[in-house]
Amino acid sequence: RRWRLRDYLKKVGRDCSLFAAKIGAFGLRVVRREQEAELTPLLADPDAALEAGHLYKTGGAATVARIELNGRPLVLKRYNIKSWLHGLKRFWRPSRAWHSWVEGHRLELLGIATPRPLAVIERRWCWLRGRAYLLTEYCGGPDLIARFAPYVASAPPETELAALDRLFAALIRERISHGDFKGHNLFWDDDRWSLIDLDAMRQHRRQAGFARAYARDRARFLRNWPSESHLHRLLDQRLPRL
């Protein structure tokens, strides 16, 4: 199973039957091959697509928008370079878009819900990385904060709590930490919780390192609600500790 995962993650970065990849000193573009023809016009000018879309977040480290392609809703995220100093810190290592691309496929293969990654782009100059873009499917459900808002003083539906139990169990089983486990990064979709914003996600080799990262994720997750609230106490009792 580990071999299958390693083999699959190698494919997400090269030209093969599953992915169409163009990688060079002045740019990187990888797209799911079965959707290349449909997505090519959008990927030719992702900035125009962002400007025409419904913006969720603007400026700063990232710009995020819901866009329409032939009546199909998608999410496009641009990872910005805020300043020359920020560029110096980022140009020599894989972009956050690339990291999210890889981790999205990791979750997909492991059966952990996340919007399917469709394409990734890195702007490069002599291999030095600049802006980067990630295109994913759209998740139309409410995020965790909105979904649990009516239950801060009570208990959410058991089906949704059980789905949360399954998510945490899967992350523990695979030793995966999210890195920014706030409620706005979990969406209720198709009767399960779907993870977004994967640029800080990591699968740990050693249990000790994962236990520390999991403790931070768990603490960040619980900070979504006041510590004196019934929901906070309920989830604190329910979520596993390592």
C-alpha atoms as a PDB file:
ATOM      1  CA  ARG A   1       0.000   0.000   0.000  1.00  0.00           C
ATOM      2  CA  ARG A   2       2.870   2.393   0.790  1.00  0.00           C
ATOM      3  CA  TRP A   3       4.514   1.452  -2.506  1.00  0.00           C
ATOM      4  CA  ARG A   4       1.290   2.186  -4.393  1.00  0.00           C
ATOM      5  CA  LEU A   5       1.049   5.618  -2.769  1.00  0.00           C
ATOM      6  CA  ARG A   6       4.685   6.478  -3.566  1.00  0.00           C
ATOM      7  CA  ASP A   7       4.260   5.304  -7.151  1.00  0.00           C
ATOM      8  CA  TYR A   8       1.092   7.350  -7.643  1.00  0.00           C
ATOM      9  CA  LEU A   9       2.582  10.527  -6.177  1.00  0.00           C
ATOM     10  CA  LYS A  10       5.485  10.255  -8.615  1.00  0.00           C
ATOM     11  CA  LYS A  11       3.006  10.264 -11.489  1.00  0.00           C
ATOM     12  CA  VAL A  12       1.340  13.523 -10.425  1.00  0.00           C
ATOM     13  CA  GLY A  13       4.530  15.351 -11.413  1.00  0.00           C
ATOM     14  CA  ARG A  14       5.267  13.872 -14.827  1.00  0.00           C
ATOM     15  CA  ASP A  15       3.703  13.275 -18.207  1.00  0.00           C
ATOM     16  CA  CYS A  16       1.861   9.956 -18.151  1.00  0.00           C
ATOM     17  CA  SER A  17      -1.478   8.375 -18.959  1.00  0.00           C
ATOM     18  CA  LEU A  18      -3.153  10.174 -16.040  1.00  0.00           C
ATOM     19  CA  PHE A  19      -1.551  13.618 -16.283  1.00  0.00           C
ATOM     20  CA  ALA A  20      -0.396  15.960 -19.041  1.00  0.00           C
ATOM     21  CA  ALA A  21       2.719  17.758 -17.811  1.00  0.00           C
ATOM     22  CA  LYS A  22       4.852  20.543 -19.252  1.00  0.00           C
ATOM     23  CA  ILE A  23       7.790  21.309 -16.973  1.00  0.00           C
ATOM     24  CA  GLY A  24      10.712  23.555 -17.806  1.00  0.00           C
ATOM     25  CA  ALA A  25      12.901  26.460 -16.741  1.00  0.00           C
ATOM     26  CA  PHE A  26      10.178  29.012 -17.540  1.00  0.00           C
ATOM     27  CA  GLY A  27       7.087  27.302 -16.252  1.00  0.00           C
ATOM     28  CA  LEU A  28       5.272  24.238 -14.955  1.00  0.00           C
ATOM     29  CA  ARG A  29       1.795  23.072 -15.872  1.00  0.00           C
ATOM     30  CA  VAL A  30       0.270  19.746 -14.909  1.00  0.00           C
ATOM     31  CA  VAL A  31      -3.373  18.923 -15.644  1.00  0.00           C
ATOM     32  CA  ARG A  32      -5.492  15.796 -15.436  1.00  0.00           C
ATOM     33  CA  ARG A  33      -5.244  14.376 -18.938  1.00  0.00           C
ATOM     34  CA  GLU A  34      -8.918  13.528 -19.349  1.00  0.00           C
ATOM     35  CA  GLN A  35      -9.781  17.190 -18.707  1.00  0.00           C
ATOM     36  CA  GLU A  36      -6.913  18.858 -20.573  1.00  0.00           C
ATOM     37  CA  ALA A  37      -8.939  19.896 -23.610  1.00  0.00           C
ATOM     38  CA  GLU A  38     -11.668  21.521 -21.513  1.00  0.00           C
ATOM     39  CA  LEU A  39      -9.303  23.279 -19.098  1.00  0.00           C
ATOM     40  CA  THR A  40      -6.643  24.538 -21.540  1.00  0.00           C
ATOM     41  CA  PRO A  41      -8.413  27.838 -22.395  1.00  0.00           C
ATOM     42  CA  LEU A  42      -8.819  28.647 -18.700  1.00  0.00           C
ATOM     43  CA  LEU A  43      -5.218  27.724 -17.854  1.00  0.00           C
ATOM     44  CA  ALA A  44      -3.916  29.932 -20.657  1.00  0.00           C
ATOM     45  CA  ASP A  45      -4.968  33.017 -18.655  1.00  0.00           C
ATOM     46  CA  PRO A  46      -5.793  32.121 -15.040  1.00  0.00           C
ATOM     47  CA  ASP A  47      -5.600  35.755 -13.893  1.00  0.00           C
ATOM     48  CA  ALA A  48      -8.467  36.687 -16.207  1.00  0.00           C
ATOM     49  CA  ALA A  49     -10.491  33.782 -14.849  1.00  0.00           C
ATOM     50  CA  LEU A  50      -9.882  35.013 -11.291  1.00  0.00           C
ATOM     51  CA  GLU A  51     -10.991  38.538 -12.130  1.00  0.00           C
ATOM     52  CA  ALA A  52     -14.184  37.234 -13.737  1.00  0.00           C
ATOM     53  CA  GLY A  53     -14.984  34.872 -10.863  1.00  0.00           C
ATOM     54  CA  HIS A  54     -16.656  35.297  -7.480  1.00  0.00           C
ATOM     55  CA  LEU A  55     -13.828  36.286  -5.139  1.00  0.00           C
ATOM     56  CA  TYR A  56     -13.646  34.655  -1.717  1.00  0.00           C
ATOM     57  CA  LYS A  57     -10.272  36.095  -0.768  1.00  0.00           C
ATOM     58  CA  THR A  58      -8.169  38.841  -2.311  1.00  0.00           C
ATOM     59  CA  GLY A  59      -4.632  40.068  -1.881  1.00  0.00           C
ATOM     60  CA  GLY A  60      -2.088  38.966   0.673  1.00  0.00           C
ATOM     61  CA  ALA A  61      -0.604  35.520   0.332  1.00  0.00           C
ATOM     62  CA  ALA A  62      -3.447  34.117  -1.796  1.00  0.00           C
ATOM     63  CA  THR A  63      -6.359  35.073  -4.026  1.00  0.00           C
ATOM     64  CA  VAL A  64      -9.258  32.597  -4.215  1.00  0.00           C
ATOM     65  CA  ALA A  65     -12.315  32.642  -6.475  1.00  0.00           C
ATOM     66  CA  ARG A  66     -15.173  30.442  -7.595  1.00  0.00           C
ATOM     67  CA  ILE A  67     -15.236  30.402 -11.376  1.00  0.00           C
ATOM     68  CA  GLU A  68     -17.538  28.970 -14.019  1.00  0.00           C
ATOM     69  CA  LEU A  69     -16.346  26.834 -16.920  1.00  0.00           C
ATOM     70  CA  ASN A  70     -19.054  25.710 -19.321  1.00  0.00           C
ATOM     71  CA  GLY A  71     -21.560  25.966 -16.481  1.00  0.00           C
ATOM     72  CA  ARG A  72     -19.356  23.956 -14.152  1.00  0.00           C
ATOM     73  CA  PRO A  73     -18.272  25.567 -10.862  1.00  0.00           C
ATOM     74  CA  LEU A  74     -14.576  25.299  -9.985  1.00  0.00           C
ATOM     75  CA  VAL A  75     -12.246  26.922  -7.458  1.00  0.00           C
ATOM     76  CA  LEU A  76      -9.081  28.702  -8.600  1.00  0.00           C
ATOM     77  CA  LYS A  77      -6.454  29.763  -6.083  1.00  0.00           C
ATOM     78  CA  ARG A  78      -3.477  31.967  -6.867  1.00  0.00           C
ATOM     79  CA  TYR A  79      -0.542  31.983  -4.479  1.00  0.00           C
ATOM     80  CA  ASN A  80       0.868  35.501  -4.585  1.00  0.00           C
ATOM     81  CA  ILE A  81       4.364  36.859  -4.100  1.00  0.00           C
ATOM     82  CA  LYS A  82       3.782  39.735  -1.681  1.00  0.00           C
ATOM     83  CA  SER A  83       7.183  41.414  -1.968  1.00  0.00           C
ATOM     84  CA  TRP A  84      10.723  40.860  -3.215  1.00  0.00           C
ATOM     85  CA  LEU A  85      11.676  39.561   0.217  1.00  0.00           C
ATOM     86  CA  HIS A  86       8.794  37.092   0.133  1.00  0.00           C
ATOM     87  CA  GLY A  87       9.941  36.075  -3.348  1.00  0.00           C
ATOM     88  CA  LEU A  88      13.450  35.383  -2.056  1.00  0.00           C
ATOM     89  CA  LYS A  89      11.990  33.035   0.546  1.00  0.00           C
ATOM     90  CA  ARG A  90       9.776  31.192  -1.950  1.00  0.00           C
ATOM     91  CA  PHE A  91      11.594  30.980  -5.304  1.00  0.00           C
ATOM     92  CA  TRP A  92      13.942  28.125  -4.449  1.00  0.00           C
ATOM     93  CA  ARG A  93      11.432  25.616  -3.061  1.00  0.00           C
ATOM     94  CA  PRO A  94       8.275  23.953  -4.430  1.00  0.00           C
ATOM     95  CA  SER A  95       5.334  26.332  -4.411  1.00  0.00           C
ATOM     96  CA  ARG A  96       2.425  25.988  -2.013  1.00  0.00           C
ATOM     97  CA  ALA A  97       0.254  25.273  -5.042  1.00  0.00           C
ATOM     98  CA  TRP A  98       2.463  22.316  -5.907  1.00  0.00           C
ATOM     99  CA  HIS A  99       2.412  21.064  -2.327  1.00  0.00           C
ATOM    100  CA  SER A 100      -1.388  21.287  -2.278  1.00  0.00           C
ATOM    101  CA  TRP A 101      -1.541  19.474  -5.630  1.00  0.00           C
ATOM    102  CA  VAL A 102       0.489  16.561  -4.267  1.00  0.00           C
ATOM    103  CA  GLU A 103      -1.340  16.393  -0.934  1.00  0.00           C
ATOM    104  CA  GLY A 104      -4.724  16.540  -2.630  1.00  0.00           C
ATOM    105  CA  HIS A 105      -3.855  13.453  -4.624  1.00  0.00           C
ATOM    106  CA  ARG A 106      -2.483  11.799  -1.492  1.00  0.00           C
ATOM    107  CA  LEU A 107      -5.811  12.282   0.287  1.00  0.00           C
ATOM    108  CA  GLU A 108      -7.751  11.126  -2.756  1.00  0.00           C
ATOM    109  CA  LEU A 109      -5.799   7.875  -2.963  1.00  0.00           C
ATOM    110  CA  LEU A 110      -6.174   7.305   0.800  1.00  0.00           C
ATOM    111  CA  GLY A 111      -9.939   7.823   0.651  1.00  0.00           C
ATOM    112  CA  ILE A 112      -9.963  11.071   2.657  1.00  0.00           C
ATOM    113  CA  ALA A 113     -12.362  13.634   1.183  1.00  0.00           C
ATOM    114  CA  THR A 114     -10.975  16.742  -0.500  1.00  0.00           C
ATOM    115  CA  PRO A 115     -12.017  18.665  -3.626  1.00  0.00           C
ATOM    116  CA  ARG A 116     -10.336  16.898  -6.545  1.00  0.00           C
ATOM    117  CA  PRO A 117      -7.240  18.775  -7.788  1.00  0.00           C
ATOM    118  CA  LEU A 118      -7.509  19.360 -11.541  1.00  0.00           C
ATOM    119  CA  ALA A 119      -4.469  21.428 -12.535  1.00  0.00           C
ATOM    120  CA  VAL A 120      -1.444  23.267 -11.147  1.00  0.00           C
ATOM    121  CA  ILE A 121       0.681  26.048 -12.666  1.00  0.00           C
ATOM    122  CA  GLU A 122       3.971  27.608 -11.554  1.00  0.00           C
ATOM    123  CA  ARG A 123       5.368  30.757 -13.147  1.00  0.00           C
ATOM    124  CA  ARG A 124       9.138  30.376 -13.433  1.00  0.00           C
ATOM    125  CA  TRP A 125      12.148  32.315 -14.629  1.00  0.00           C
ATOM    126  CA  CYS A 126      15.251  30.173 -15.074  1.00  0.00           C
ATOM    127  CA  TRP A 127      13.711  27.644 -12.659  1.00  0.00           C
ATOM    128  CA  LEU A 128      13.091  30.352 -10.026  1.00  0.00           C
ATOM    129  CA  ARG A 129       9.469  30.175  -8.929  1.00  0.00           C
ATOM    130  CA  GLY A 130       7.035  33.068  -8.806  1.00  0.00           C
ATOM    131  CA  ARG A 131       3.244  33.049  -8.748  1.00  0.00           C
ATOM    132  CA  ALA A 132       1.505  29.687  -8.708  1.00  0.00           C
ATOM    133  CA  TYR A 133      -2.072  28.528  -9.315  1.00  0.00           C
ATOM    134  CA  LEU A 134      -4.156  25.572  -8.194  1.00  0.00           C
ATOM    135  CA  LEU A 135      -7.458  24.565  -9.808  1.00  0.00           C
ATOM    136  CA  THR A 136      -9.798  22.196  -7.983  1.00  0.00           C
ATOM    137  CA  GLU A 137     -13.371  21.014  -8.079  1.00  0.00           C
ATOM    138  CA  TYR A 138     -15.913  23.100  -6.180  1.00  0.00           C
ATOM    139  CA  CYS A 139     -17.327  21.983  -2.839  1.00  0.00           C
ATOM    140  CA  GLY A 140     -20.732  23.601  -2.433  1.00  0.00           C
ATOM    141  CA  GLY A 141     -21.559  22.575   1.124  1.00  0.00           C
ATOM    142  CA  PRO A 142     -21.245  24.765   4.254  1.00  0.00           C
ATOM    143  CA  ASP A 143     -18.019  24.899   6.198  1.00  0.00           C
ATOM    144  CA  LEU A 144     -17.741  23.499   9.722  1.00  0.00           C
ATOM    145  CA  ILE A 145     -18.285  26.877  11.417  1.00  0.00           C
ATOM    146  CA  ALA A 146     -21.537  27.500   9.558  1.00  0.00           C
ATOM    147  CA  ARG A 147     -22.707  23.896   9.877  1.00  0.00           C
ATOM    148  CA  PHE A 148     -22.206  23.770  13.662  1.00  0.00           C
ATOM    149  CA  ALA A 149     -23.304  27.371  14.367  1.00  0.00           C
ATOM    150  CA  PRO A 150     -26.791  26.311  15.610  1.00  0.00           C
ATOM    151  CA  TYR A 151     -25.272  23.760  18.006  1.00  0.00           C
ATOM    152  CA  VAL A 152     -22.736  25.752  20.031  1.00  0.00           C
ATOM    153  CA  ALA A 153     -24.931  25.288  23.119  1.00  0.00           C
ATOM    154  CA  SER A 154     -26.105  21.784  22.223  1.00  0.00           C
ATOM    155  CA  ALA A 155     -25.010  18.728  20.242  1.00  0.00           C
ATOM    156  CA  PRO A 156     -24.759  18.533  16.426  1.00  0.00           C
ATOM    157  CA  PRO A 157     -26.448  15.639  14.591  1.00  0.00           C
ATOM    158  CA  GLU A 158     -24.833  12.284  15.347  1.00  0.00           C
ATOM    159  CA  THR A 159     -24.254  11.591  11.642  1.00  0.00           C
ATOM    160  CA  GLU A 160     -22.037  14.663  11.380  1.00  0.00           C
ATOM    161  CA  LEU A 161     -20.198  13.861  14.608  1.00  0.00           C
ATOM    162  CA  ALA A 162     -19.633  10.300  13.388  1.00  0.00           C
ATOM    163  CA  ALA A 163     -18.249  11.655  10.107  1.00  0.00           C
ATOM    164  CA  LEU A 164     -15.867  13.796  12.140  1.00  0.00           C
ATOM    165  CA  ASP A 165     -14.827  10.700  14.103  1.00  0.00           C
ATOM    166  CA  ARG A 166     -14.049   8.909  10.833  1.00  0.00           C
ATOM    167  CA  LEU A 167     -12.018  11.837   9.535  1.00  0.00           C
ATOM    168  CA  PHE A 168      -9.874  12.033  12.651  1.00  0.00           C
ATOM    169  CA  ALA A 169      -9.442   8.242  12.675  1.00  0.00           C
ATOM    170  CA  ALA A 170      -8.242   8.323   9.052  1.00  0.00           C
ATOM    171  CA  LEU A 171      -5.775  11.147   9.733  1.00  0.00           C
ATOM    172  CA  ILE A 172      -4.397   9.280  12.744  1.00  0.00           C
ATOM    173  CA  ARG A 173      -4.186   6.003  10.809  1.00  0.00           C
ATOM    174  CA  GLU A 174      -2.209   7.656   7.999  1.00  0.00           C
ATOM    175  CA  ARG A 175      -0.230   9.968  10.333  1.00  0.00           C
ATOM    176  CA  ILE A 176      -1.358  13.079   8.464  1.00  0.00           C
ATOM    177  CA  SER A 177      -1.385  16.556  10.019  1.00  0.00           C
ATOM    178  CA  HIS A 178      -3.224  19.431   8.372  1.00  0.00           C
ATOM    179  CA  GLY A 179      -1.272  22.368   9.757  1.00  0.00           C
ATOM    180  CA  ASP A 180      -4.197  24.855   9.820  1.00  0.00           C
ATOM    181  CA  PHE A 181      -7.191  22.963  11.196  1.00  0.00           C
ATOM    182  CA  LYS A 182      -9.627  25.840  11.470  1.00  0.00           C
ATOM    183  CA  GLY A 183     -13.300  25.342  10.809  1.00  0.00           C
ATOM    184  CA  HIS A 184     -13.273  27.236   7.515  1.00  0.00           C
ATOM    185  CA  ASN A 185     -11.014  24.532   6.075  1.00  0.00           C
ATOM    186  CA  LEU A 186     -13.565  21.728   6.517  1.00  0.00           C
ATOM    187  CA  PHE A 187     -16.685  21.516   4.358  1.00  0.00           C
ATOM    188  CA  TRP A 188     -19.721  19.276   4.687  1.00  0.00           C
ATOM    189  CA  ASP A 189     -20.055  17.534   1.329  1.00  0.00           C
ATOM    190  CA  ASP A 190     -21.829  14.311   0.359  1.00  0.00           C
ATOM    191  CA  ASP A 191     -22.283  13.234   4.006  1.00  0.00           C
ATOM    192  CA  ARG A 192     -18.627  13.604   4.934  1.00  0.00           C
ATOM    193  CA  TRP A 193     -16.141  16.297   5.901  1.00  0.00           C
ATOM    194  CA  SER A 194     -13.915  17.493   3.085  1.00  0.00           C
ATOM    195  CA  LEU A 195     -10.539  19.156   3.712  1.00  0.00           C
ATOM    196  CA  ILE A 196      -9.254  22.221   1.857  1.00  0.00           C
ATOM    197  CA  ASP A 197      -6.125  24.435   2.128  1.00  0.00           C
ATOM    198  CA  LEU A 198      -3.588  21.643   2.052  1.00  0.00           C
ATOM    199  CA  ASP A 199      -0.402  23.695   1.607  1.00  0.00           C
ATOM    200  CA  ALA A 200       0.745  22.936   5.183  1.00  0.00           C
ATOM    201  CA  MET A 201      -0.366  19.287   5.189  1.00  0.00           C
ATOM    202  CA  ARG A 202       2.191  16.592   5.929  1.00  0.00           C
ATOM    203  CA  GLN A 203       2.304  12.816   6.206  1.00  0.00           C
ATOM    204  CA  HIS A 204       4.731  11.943   8.980  1.00  0.00           C
ATOM    205  CA  ARG A 205       7.131   9.029   8.953  1.00  0.00           C
ATOM    206  CA  ARG A 206       7.590   8.900  12.717  1.00  0.00           C
ATOM    207  CA  GLN A 207       4.879   8.634  15.335  1.00  0.00           C
ATOM    208  CA  ALA A 208       6.537  11.081  17.731  1.00  0.00           C
ATOM    209  CA  GLY A 209       6.604  13.893  15.181  1.00  0.00           C
ATOM    210  CA  PHE A 210       3.029  13.164  14.155  1.00  0.00           C
ATOM    211  CA  ALA A 211       1.838  13.157  17.789  1.00  0.00           C
ATOM    212  CA  ARG A 212       3.166  16.707  18.281  1.00  0.00           C
ATOM    213  CA  ALA A 213       1.616  17.926  15.010  1.00  0.00           C
ATOM    214  CA  TYR A 214      -1.682  16.187  15.780  1.00  0.00           C
ATOM    215  CA  ALA A 215      -1.826  17.854  19.207  1.00  0.00           C
ATOM    216  CA  ARG A 216      -1.486  21.249  17.505  1.00  0.00           C
ATOM    217  CA  ASP A 217      -4.177  20.340  14.957  1.00  0.00           C
ATOM    218  CA  ARG A 218      -6.530  19.158  17.674  1.00  0.00           C
ATOM    219  CA  ALA A 219      -5.993  22.295  19.752  1.00  0.00           C
ATOM    220  CA  ARG A 220      -6.533  24.535  16.719  1.00  0.00           C
ATOM    221  CA  PHE A 221      -9.691  22.641  15.834  1.00  0.00           C
ATOM    222  CA  LEU A 222     -11.170  23.120  19.304  1.00  0.00           C
ATOM    223  CA  ARG A 223     -10.372  26.856  19.260  1.00  0.00           C
ATOM    224  CA  ASN A 224     -13.145  27.239  16.679  1.00  0.00           C
ATOM    225  CA  TRP A 225     -15.554  27.554  19.642  1.00  0.00           C
ATOM    226  CA  PRO A 226     -15.379  29.200  23.080  1.00  0.00           C
ATOM    227  CA  SER A 227     -13.814  26.885  25.638  1.00  0.00           C
ATOM    228  CA  GLU A 228     -16.816  27.255  27.966  1.00  0.00           C
ATOM    229  CA  SER A 229     -19.333  26.238  25.271  1.00  0.00           C
ATOM    230  CA  HIS A 230     -21.124  22.887  25.328  1.00  0.00           C
ATOM    231  CA  LEU A 231     -19.894  22.088  21.808  1.00  0.00           C
ATOM    232  CA  HIS A 232     -16.252  22.666  22.740  1.00  0.00           C
ATOM    233  CA  ARG A 233     -16.541  20.393  25.763  1.00  0.00           C
ATOM    234  CA  LEU A 234     -18.363  17.724  23.744  1.00  0.00           C
ATOM    235  CA  LEU A 235     -15.750  17.642  21.004  1.00  0.00           C
ATOM    236  CA  ASP A 236     -12.885  17.741  23.506  1.00  0.00           C
ATOM    237  CA  GLN A 237     -14.298  14.596  25.122  1.00  0.00           C
ATOM    238  CA  ARG A 238     -15.001  12.923  21.786  1.00  0.00           C
ATOM    239  CA  LEU A 239     -11.867  13.579  19.763  1.00  0.00           C
ATOM    240  CA  PRO A 240      -9.016  11.136  20.398  1.00  0.00           C
ATOM    241  CA  ARG A 241      -5.760  12.174  22.055  1.00  0.00           C
ATOM    242  CA  LEU A 242      -2.364  10.711  21.342  1.00  0.00           C
END
